[in-house]
Amino acid sequence: MNTLKLIGSVLSKYLVPILFLLGLILINVASYFGFGMVGGLITTGVTLVVVSIILVVEQNSATKPTKK
Protein backbone atom coordinates (compact mmCIF):
# COMPACT_ATOMS: atom_id res chain seq x y z
CA MET A 1 0.00 0.00 0.00
CA ASN A 2 2.88 2.37 0.69
CA THR A 3 4.14 1.86 -2.84
CA LEU A 4 0.82 2.97 -4.27
CA LYS A 5 0.81 6.06 -2.05
CA LEU A 6 4.34 6.89 -3.20
CA ILE A 7 3.41 6.51 -6.87
CA GLY A 8 0.28 8.62 -6.34
CA SER A 9 2.18 11.42 -4.61
CA VAL A 10 4.88 11.47 -7.28
CA LEU A 11 2.30 11.57 -10.06
CA SER A 12 0.30 14.31 -8.37
CA LYS A 13 3.43 16.40 -7.87
CA TYR A 14 5.04 15.88 -11.27
CA LEU A 15 2.08 15.22 -13.60
CA VAL A 16 2.05 18.67 -15.22
CA PRO A 17 5.82 18.77 -15.97
CA ILE A 18 5.70 15.23 -17.35
CA LEU A 19 2.79 16.07 -19.64
CA PHE A 20 4.53 19.30 -20.72
CA LEU A 21 7.72 17.45 -21.67
CA LEU A 22 5.76 14.72 -23.45
CA GLY A 23 3.96 17.40 -25.46
CA LEU A 24 7.27 19.01 -26.46
CA ILE A 25 8.66 15.62 -27.46
CA LEU A 26 5.60 14.92 -29.61
CA ILE A 27 5.91 18.33 -31.31
CA ASN A 28 9.59 17.69 -32.06
CA VAL A 29 9.01 14.20 -33.44
CA ALA A 30 6.11 15.39 -35.57
CA SER A 31 8.20 18.25 -36.96
CA TYR A 32 10.98 15.82 -37.92
CA PHE A 33 8.47 13.66 -39.77
CA GLY A 34 6.60 16.58 -41.31
CA PHE A 35 9.37 19.03 -42.25
CA GLY A 36 12.46 16.84 -42.48
CA MET A 37 15.81 17.31 -40.83
CA VAL A 38 16.12 21.09 -41.15
CA GLY A 39 12.62 21.83 -39.88
CA GLY A 40 13.07 19.37 -37.04
CA LEU A 41 16.34 20.93 -35.96
CA ILE A 42 14.81 24.41 -36.04
CA THR A 43 11.88 23.22 -33.93
CA THR A 44 14.24 21.52 -31.48
CA GLY A 45 16.28 24.71 -31.13
CA VAL A 46 13.20 26.84 -30.54
CA THR A 47 11.91 24.31 -28.02
CA LEU A 48 15.19 24.35 -26.09
CA VAL A 49 15.20 28.16 -26.00
CA VAL A 50 11.61 28.24 -24.72
CA VAL A 51 12.34 25.66 -22.02
CA SER A 52 15.44 27.56 -20.88
CA ILE A 53 13.47 30.83 -20.67
CA ILE A 54 10.78 29.08 -18.62
CA LEU A 55 13.44 27.68 -16.26
CA VAL A 56 15.09 31.08 -15.77
CA VAL A 57 11.76 32.74 -15.00
CA GLU A 58 10.83 29.99 -12.54
CA GLN A 59 14.18 30.15 -10.77
CA ASN A 60 14.01 33.93 -10.47
CA SER A 61 10.50 33.85 -9.06
CA ALA A 62 11.43 31.11 -6.59
CA THR A 63 14.47 32.93 -5.15
CA LYS A 64 13.33 36.52 -4.77
CA PRO A 65 15.41 38.36 -2.19
CA THR A 66 13.58 39.82 0.78
CA LYS A 67 13.68 43.57 1.22
CA LYS A 68 14.51 44.99 4.63
PDB file of N, CA and C in Angstrom:
ATOM      1  N   MET A   1       0.815  -1.196   0.000  1.00  0.00           N
ATOM      2  CA  MET A   1       0.000   0.000   0.000  1.00  0.00           C
ATOM      3  C   MET A   1       0.857   1.258   0.000  1.00  0.00           C
ATOM      4  N   ASN A   2       2.002   1.212   0.662  1.00  0.00           N
ATOM      5  CA  ASN A   2       2.884   2.371   0.687  1.00  0.00           C
ATOM      6  C   ASN A   2       3.434   2.689  -0.698  1.00  0.00           C
ATOM      7  N   THR A   3       3.646   1.657  -1.488  1.00  0.00           N
ATOM      8  CA  THR A   3       4.143   1.863  -2.842  1.00  0.00           C
ATOM      9  C   THR A   3       3.124   2.618  -3.684  1.00  0.00           C
ATOM     10  N   LEU A   4       1.864   2.278  -3.531  1.00  0.00           N
ATOM     11  CA  LEU A   4       0.817   2.972  -4.273  1.00  0.00           C
ATOM     12  C   LEU A   4       0.701   4.422  -3.833  1.00  0.00           C
ATOM     13  N   LYS A   5       0.847   4.681  -2.539  1.00  0.00           N
ATOM     14  CA  LYS A   5       0.808   6.061  -2.050  1.00  0.00           C
ATOM     15  C   LYS A   5       1.987   6.855  -2.596  1.00  0.00           C
ATOM     16  N   LEU A   6       3.157   6.222  -2.665  1.00  0.00           N
ATOM     17  CA  LEU A   6       4.338   6.893  -3.204  1.00  0.00           C
ATOM     18  C   LEU A   6       4.155   7.221  -4.676  1.00  0.00           C
ATOM     19  N   ILE A   7       3.656   6.283  -5.442  1.00  0.00           N
ATOM     20  CA  ILE A   7       3.406   6.513  -6.869  1.00  0.00           C
ATOM     21  C   ILE A   7       2.363   7.611  -7.057  1.00  0.00           C
ATOM     22  N   GLY A   8       1.309   7.593  -6.251  1.00  0.00           N
ATOM     23  CA  GLY A   8       0.281   8.619  -6.341  1.00  0.00           C
ATOM     24  C   GLY A   8       0.797   9.995  -5.996  1.00  0.00           C
ATOM     25  N   SER A   9       1.645  10.105  -4.981  1.00  0.00           N
ATOM     26  CA  SER A   9       2.185  11.415  -4.610  1.00  0.00           C
ATOM     27  C   SER A   9       3.156  11.935  -5.650  1.00  0.00           C
ATOM     28  N   VAL A  10       3.949  11.050  -6.228  1.00  0.00           N
ATOM     29  CA  VAL A  10       4.879  11.472  -7.279  1.00  0.00           C
ATOM     30  C   VAL A  10       4.120  11.938  -8.511  1.00  0.00           C
ATOM     31  N   LEU A  11       3.094  11.182  -8.902  1.00  0.00           N
ATOM     32  CA  LEU A  11       2.297  11.572 -10.063  1.00  0.00           C
ATOM     33  C   LEU A  11       1.554  12.881  -9.831  1.00  0.00           C
ATOM     34  N   SER A  12       1.028  13.061  -8.627  1.00  0.00           N
ATOM     35  CA  SER A  12       0.300  14.307  -8.366  1.00  0.00           C
ATOM     36  C   SER A  12       1.237  15.503  -8.333  1.00  0.00           C
ATOM     37  N   LYS A  13       2.475  15.294  -7.940  1.00  0.00           N
ATOM     38  CA  LYS A  13       3.428  16.402  -7.866  1.00  0.00           C
ATOM     39  C   LYS A  13       4.034  16.715  -9.229  1.00  0.00           C
ATOM     40  N   TYR A  14       4.305  15.690 -10.027  1.00  0.00           N
ATOM     41  CA  TYR A  14       5.039  15.880 -11.274  1.00  0.00           C
ATOM     42  C   TYR A  14       4.212  15.611 -12.527  1.00  0.00           C
ATOM     43  N   LEU A  15       2.903  15.542 -12.442  1.00  0.00           N
ATOM     44  CA  LEU A  15       2.084  15.221 -13.601  1.00  0.00           C
ATOM     45  C   LEU A  15       2.146  16.323 -14.659  1.00  0.00           C
ATOM     46  N   VAL A  16       2.036  17.569 -14.256  1.00  0.00           N
ATOM     47  CA  VAL A  16       2.047  18.670 -15.223  1.00  0.00           C
ATOM     48  C   VAL A  16       3.397  18.777 -15.938  1.00  0.00           C
ATOM     49  N   PRO A  17       4.547  18.735 -15.225  1.00  0.00           N
ATOM     50  CA  PRO A  17       5.815  18.773 -15.968  1.00  0.00           C
ATOM     51  C   PRO A  17       6.020  17.584 -16.910  1.00  0.00           C
ATOM     52  N   ILE A  18       5.563  16.401 -16.488  1.00  0.00           N
ATOM     53  CA  ILE A  18       5.704  15.225 -17.347  1.00  0.00           C
ATOM     54  C   ILE A  18       4.873  15.391 -18.614  1.00  0.00           C
ATOM     55  N   LEU A  19       3.641  15.860 -18.465  1.00  0.00           N
ATOM     56  CA  LEU A  19       2.794  16.074 -19.642  1.00  0.00           C
ATOM     57  C   LEU A  19       3.353  17.174 -20.532  1.00  0.00           C
ATOM     58  N   PHE A  20       3.920  18.222 -19.943  1.00  0.00           N
ATOM     59  CA  PHE A  20       4.529  19.302 -20.719  1.00  0.00           C
ATOM     60  C   PHE A  20       5.701  18.780 -21.549  1.00  0.00           C
ATOM     61  N   LEU A  21       6.573  17.996 -20.932  1.00  0.00           N
ATOM     62  CA  LEU A  21       7.719  17.450 -21.665  1.00  0.00           C
ATOM     63  C   LEU A  21       7.271  16.448 -22.734  1.00  0.00           C
ATOM     64  N   LEU A  22       6.265  15.645 -22.441  1.00  0.00           N
ATOM     65  CA  LEU A  22       5.756  14.719 -23.454  1.00  0.00           C
ATOM     66  C   LEU A  22       5.167  15.473 -24.644  1.00  0.00           C
ATOM     67  N   GLY A  23       4.486  16.578 -24.380  1.00  0.00           N
ATOM     68  CA  GLY A  23       3.962  17.401 -25.465  1.00  0.00           C
ATOM     69  C   GLY A  23       5.066  17.986 -26.325  1.00  0.00           C
ATOM     70  N   LEU A  24       6.142  18.469 -25.688  1.00  0.00           N
ATOM     71  CA  LEU A  24       7.267  19.009 -26.457  1.00  0.00           C
ATOM     72  C   LEU A  24       7.943  17.926 -27.284  1.00  0.00           C
ATOM     73  N   ILE A  25       8.054  16.732 -26.721  1.00  0.00           N
ATOM     74  CA  ILE A  25       8.662  15.624 -27.464  1.00  0.00           C
ATOM     75  C   ILE A  25       7.810  15.268 -28.679  1.00  0.00           C
ATOM     76  N   LEU A  26       6.488  15.232 -28.484  1.00  0.00           N
ATOM     77  CA  LEU A  26       5.603  14.922 -29.611  1.00  0.00           C
ATOM     78  C   LEU A  26       5.692  15.989 -30.703  1.00  0.00           C
ATOM     79  N   ILE A  27       5.775  17.253 -30.321  1.00  0.00           N
ATOM     80  CA  ILE A  27       5.911  18.328 -31.312  1.00  0.00           C
ATOM     81  C   ILE A  27       7.214  18.180 -32.082  1.00  0.00           C
ATOM     82  N   ASN A  28       8.297  17.856 -31.384  1.00  0.00           N
ATOM     83  CA  ASN A  28       9.589  17.687 -32.062  1.00  0.00           C
ATOM     84  C   ASN A  28       9.580  16.503 -33.021  1.00  0.00           C
ATOM     85  N   VAL A  29       9.045  15.381 -32.574  1.00  0.00           N
ATOM     86  CA  VAL A  29       9.015  14.196 -33.436  1.00  0.00           C
ATOM     87  C   VAL A  29       8.136  14.449 -34.661  1.00  0.00           C
ATOM     88  N   ALA A  30       6.995  15.090 -34.447  1.00  0.00           N
ATOM     89  CA  ALA A  30       6.107  15.388 -35.573  1.00  0.00           C
ATOM     90  C   ALA A  30       6.760  16.356 -36.551  1.00  0.00           C
ATOM     91  N   SER A  31       7.534  17.308 -36.048  1.00  0.00           N
ATOM     92  CA  SER A  31       8.198  18.245 -36.959  1.00  0.00           C
ATOM     93  C   SER A  31       9.296  17.552 -37.763  1.00  0.00           C
ATOM     94  N   TYR A  32       9.994  16.586 -37.157  1.00  0.00           N
ATOM     95  CA  TYR A  32      10.981  15.823 -37.922  1.00  0.00           C
ATOM     96  C   TYR A  32      10.306  15.031 -39.041  1.00  0.00           C
ATOM     97  N   PHE A  33       9.170  14.414 -38.741  1.00  0.00           N
ATOM     98  CA  PHE A  33       8.467  13.656 -39.771  1.00  0.00           C
ATOM     99  C   PHE A  33       7.849  14.567 -40.817  1.00  0.00           C
ATOM    100  N   GLY A  34       7.317  15.700 -40.398  1.00  0.00           N
ATOM    101  CA  GLY A  34       6.601  16.582 -41.312  1.00  0.00           C
ATOM    102  C   GLY A  34       7.501  17.460 -42.160  1.00  0.00           C
ATOM    103  N   PHE A  35       8.546  18.041 -41.549  1.00  0.00           N
ATOM    104  CA  PHE A  35       9.370  19.026 -42.248  1.00  0.00           C
ATOM    105  C   PHE A  35      10.763  18.533 -42.595  1.00  0.00           C
ATOM    106  N   GLY A  36      11.129  17.361 -42.181  1.00  0.00           N
ATOM    107  CA  GLY A  36      12.457  16.838 -42.483  1.00  0.00           C
ATOM    108  C   GLY A  36      13.470  17.263 -41.432  1.00  0.00           C
ATOM    109  N   MET A  37      14.735  17.073 -41.778  1.00  0.00           N
ATOM    110  CA  MET A  37      15.814  17.308 -40.832  1.00  0.00           C
ATOM    111  C   MET A  37      15.946  18.776 -40.453  1.00  0.00           C
ATOM    112  N   VAL A  38      15.900  19.668 -41.426  1.00  0.00           N
ATOM    113  CA  VAL A  38      16.115  21.092 -41.155  1.00  0.00           C
ATOM    114  C   VAL A  38      14.979  21.651 -40.305  1.00  0.00           C
ATOM    115  N   GLY A  39      13.759  21.356 -40.667  1.00  0.00           N
ATOM    116  CA  GLY A  39      12.616  21.827 -39.880  1.00  0.00           C
ATOM    117  C   GLY A  39      12.609  21.248 -38.476  1.00  0.00           C
ATOM    118  N   GLY A  40      12.995  20.004 -38.353  1.00  0.00           N
ATOM    119  CA  GLY A  40      13.067  19.372 -37.036  1.00  0.00           C
ATOM    120  C   GLY A  40      14.125  19.995 -36.156  1.00  0.00           C
ATOM    121  N   LEU A  41      15.283  20.294 -36.739  1.00  0.00           N
ATOM    122  CA  LEU A  41      16.340  20.933 -35.955  1.00  0.00           C
ATOM    123  C   LEU A  41      15.956  22.344 -35.536  1.00  0.00           C
ATOM    124  N   ILE A  42      15.277  23.061 -36.403  1.00  0.00           N
ATOM    125  CA  ILE A  42      14.814  24.406 -36.044  1.00  0.00           C
ATOM    126  C   ILE A  42      13.805  24.319 -34.904  1.00  0.00           C
ATOM    127  N   THR A  43      12.877  23.393 -35.000  1.00  0.00           N
ATOM    128  CA  THR A  43      11.883  23.218 -33.935  1.00  0.00           C
ATOM    129  C   THR A  43      12.538  22.805 -32.625  1.00  0.00           C
ATOM    130  N   THR A  44      13.531  21.935 -32.690  1.00  0.00           N
ATOM    131  CA  THR A  44      14.240  21.523 -31.485  1.00  0.00           C
ATOM    132  C   THR A  44      14.967  22.704 -30.855  1.00  0.00           C
ATOM    133  N   GLY A  45      15.597  23.535 -31.660  1.00  0.00           N
ATOM    134  CA  GLY A  45      16.281  24.714 -31.132  1.00  0.00           C
ATOM    135  C   GLY A  45      15.325  25.681 -30.471  1.00  0.00           C
ATOM    136  N   VAL A  46      14.198  25.943 -31.120  1.00  0.00           N
ATOM    137  CA  VAL A  46      13.204  26.843 -30.538  1.00  0.00           C
ATOM    138  C   VAL A  46      12.644  26.261 -29.245  1.00  0.00           C
ATOM    139  N   THR A  47      12.425  24.964 -29.225  1.00  0.00           N
ATOM    140  CA  THR A  47      11.915  24.309 -28.022  1.00  0.00           C
ATOM    141  C   THR A  47      12.900  24.441 -26.870  1.00  0.00           C
ATOM    142  N   LEU A  48      14.181  24.234 -27.137  1.00  0.00           N
ATOM    143  CA  LEU A  48      15.187  24.354 -26.086  1.00  0.00           C
ATOM    144  C   LEU A  48      15.285  25.775 -25.556  1.00  0.00           C
ATOM    145  N   VAL A  49      15.166  26.764 -26.437  1.00  0.00           N
ATOM    146  CA  VAL A  49      15.198  28.161 -25.998  1.00  0.00           C
ATOM    147  C   VAL A  49      13.995  28.467 -25.121  1.00  0.00           C
ATOM    148  N   VAL A  50      12.824  28.002 -25.512  1.00  0.00           N
ATOM    149  CA  VAL A  50      11.608  28.243 -24.723  1.00  0.00           C
ATOM    150  C   VAL A  50      11.709  27.580 -23.355  1.00  0.00           C
ATOM    151  N   VAL A  51      12.197  26.356 -23.297  1.00  0.00           N
ATOM    152  CA  VAL A  51      12.339  25.659 -22.020  1.00  0.00           C
ATOM    153  C   VAL A  51      13.350  26.379 -21.129  1.00  0.00           C
ATOM    154  N   SER A  52      14.459  26.853 -21.692  1.00  0.00           N
ATOM    155  CA  SER A  52      15.444  27.563 -20.879  1.00  0.00           C
ATOM    156  C   SER A  52      14.891  28.885 -20.355  1.00  0.00           C
ATOM    157  N   ILE A  53      14.092  29.588 -21.148  1.00  0.00           N
ATOM    158  CA  ILE A  53      13.469  30.831 -20.672  1.00  0.00           C
ATOM    159  C   ILE A  53      12.492  30.527 -19.541  1.00  0.00           C
ATOM    160  N   ILE A  54      11.719  29.468 -19.675  1.00  0.00           N
ATOM    161  CA  ILE A  54      10.781  29.085 -18.617  1.00  0.00           C
ATOM    162  C   ILE A  54      11.538  28.752 -17.336  1.00  0.00           C
ATOM    163  N   LEU A  55      12.656  28.027 -17.452  1.00  0.00           N
ATOM    164  CA  LEU A  55      13.435  27.680 -16.261  1.00  0.00           C
ATOM    165  C   LEU A  55      14.019  28.908 -15.584  1.00  0.00           C
ATOM    166  N   VAL A  56      14.520  29.860 -16.353  1.00  0.00           N
ATOM    167  CA  VAL A  56      15.085  31.076 -15.768  1.00  0.00           C
ATOM    168  C   VAL A  56      14.016  31.877 -15.041  1.00  0.00           C
ATOM    169  N   VAL A  57      12.846  31.993 -15.640  1.00  0.00           N
ATOM    170  CA  VAL A  57      11.756  32.737 -14.999  1.00  0.00           C
ATOM    171  C   VAL A  57      11.321  32.041 -13.713  1.00  0.00           C
ATOM    172  N   GLU A  58      11.220  30.723 -13.737  1.00  0.00           N
ATOM    173  CA  GLU A  58      10.826  29.987 -12.542  1.00  0.00           C
ATOM    174  C   GLU A  58      11.862  30.101 -11.436  1.00  0.00           C
ATOM    175  N   GLN A  59      13.142  30.039 -11.778  1.00  0.00           N
ATOM    176  CA  GLN A  59      14.182  30.153 -10.770  1.00  0.00           C
ATOM    177  C   GLN A  59      14.222  31.557 -10.173  1.00  0.00           C
ATOM    178  N   ASN A  60      14.010  32.567 -10.991  1.00  0.00           N
ATOM    179  CA  ASN A  60      14.010  33.930 -10.472  1.00  0.00           C
ATOM    180  C   ASN A  60      12.812  34.191  -9.576  1.00  0.00           C
ATOM    181  N   SER A  61      11.672  33.631  -9.902  1.00  0.00           N
ATOM    182  CA  SER A  61      10.498  33.847  -9.064  1.00  0.00           C
ATOM    183  C   SER A  61      10.584  33.041  -7.767  1.00  0.00           C
ATOM    184  N   ALA A  62      11.310  31.940  -7.786  1.00  0.00           N
ATOM    185  CA  ALA A  62      11.428  31.111  -6.589  1.00  0.00           C
ATOM    186  C   ALA A  62      12.420  31.682  -5.580  1.00  0.00           C
ATOM    187  N   THR A  63      13.421  32.419  -6.047  1.00  0.00           N
ATOM    188  CA  THR A  63      14.466  32.932  -5.151  1.00  0.00           C
ATOM    189  C   THR A  63      14.492  34.446  -5.132  1.00  0.00           C
ATOM    190  N   LYS A  64      13.359  35.072  -4.871  1.00  0.00           N
ATOM    191  CA  LYS A  64      13.331  36.521  -4.766  1.00  0.00           C
ATOM    192  C   LYS A  64      13.932  36.945  -3.438  1.00  0.00           C
ATOM    193  N   PRO A  65      14.838  37.914  -3.455  1.00  0.00           N
ATOM    194  CA  PRO A  65      15.414  38.363  -2.191  1.00  0.00           C
ATOM    195  C   PRO A  65      14.389  39.179  -1.385  1.00  0.00           C
ATOM    196  N   THR A  66      14.495  39.074  -0.092  1.00  0.00           N
ATOM    197  CA  THR A  66      13.578  39.817   0.775  1.00  0.00           C
ATOM    198  C   THR A  66      14.136  41.210   1.020  1.00  0.00           C
ATOM    199  N   LYS A  67      13.273  42.199   0.980  1.00  0.00           N
ATOM    200  CA  LYS A  67      13.684  43.570   1.221  1.00  0.00           C
ATOM    201  C   LYS A  67      13.550  43.884   2.704  1.00  0.00           C
ATOM    202  N   LYS A  68      14.541  44.605   3.213  1.00  0.00           N
ATOM    203  CA  LYS A  68      14.514  44.989   4.632  1.00  0.00           C
ATOM    204  C   LYS A  68      14.267  46.467   4.777  1.00  0.00           C
TER     205      LYS A  68
END
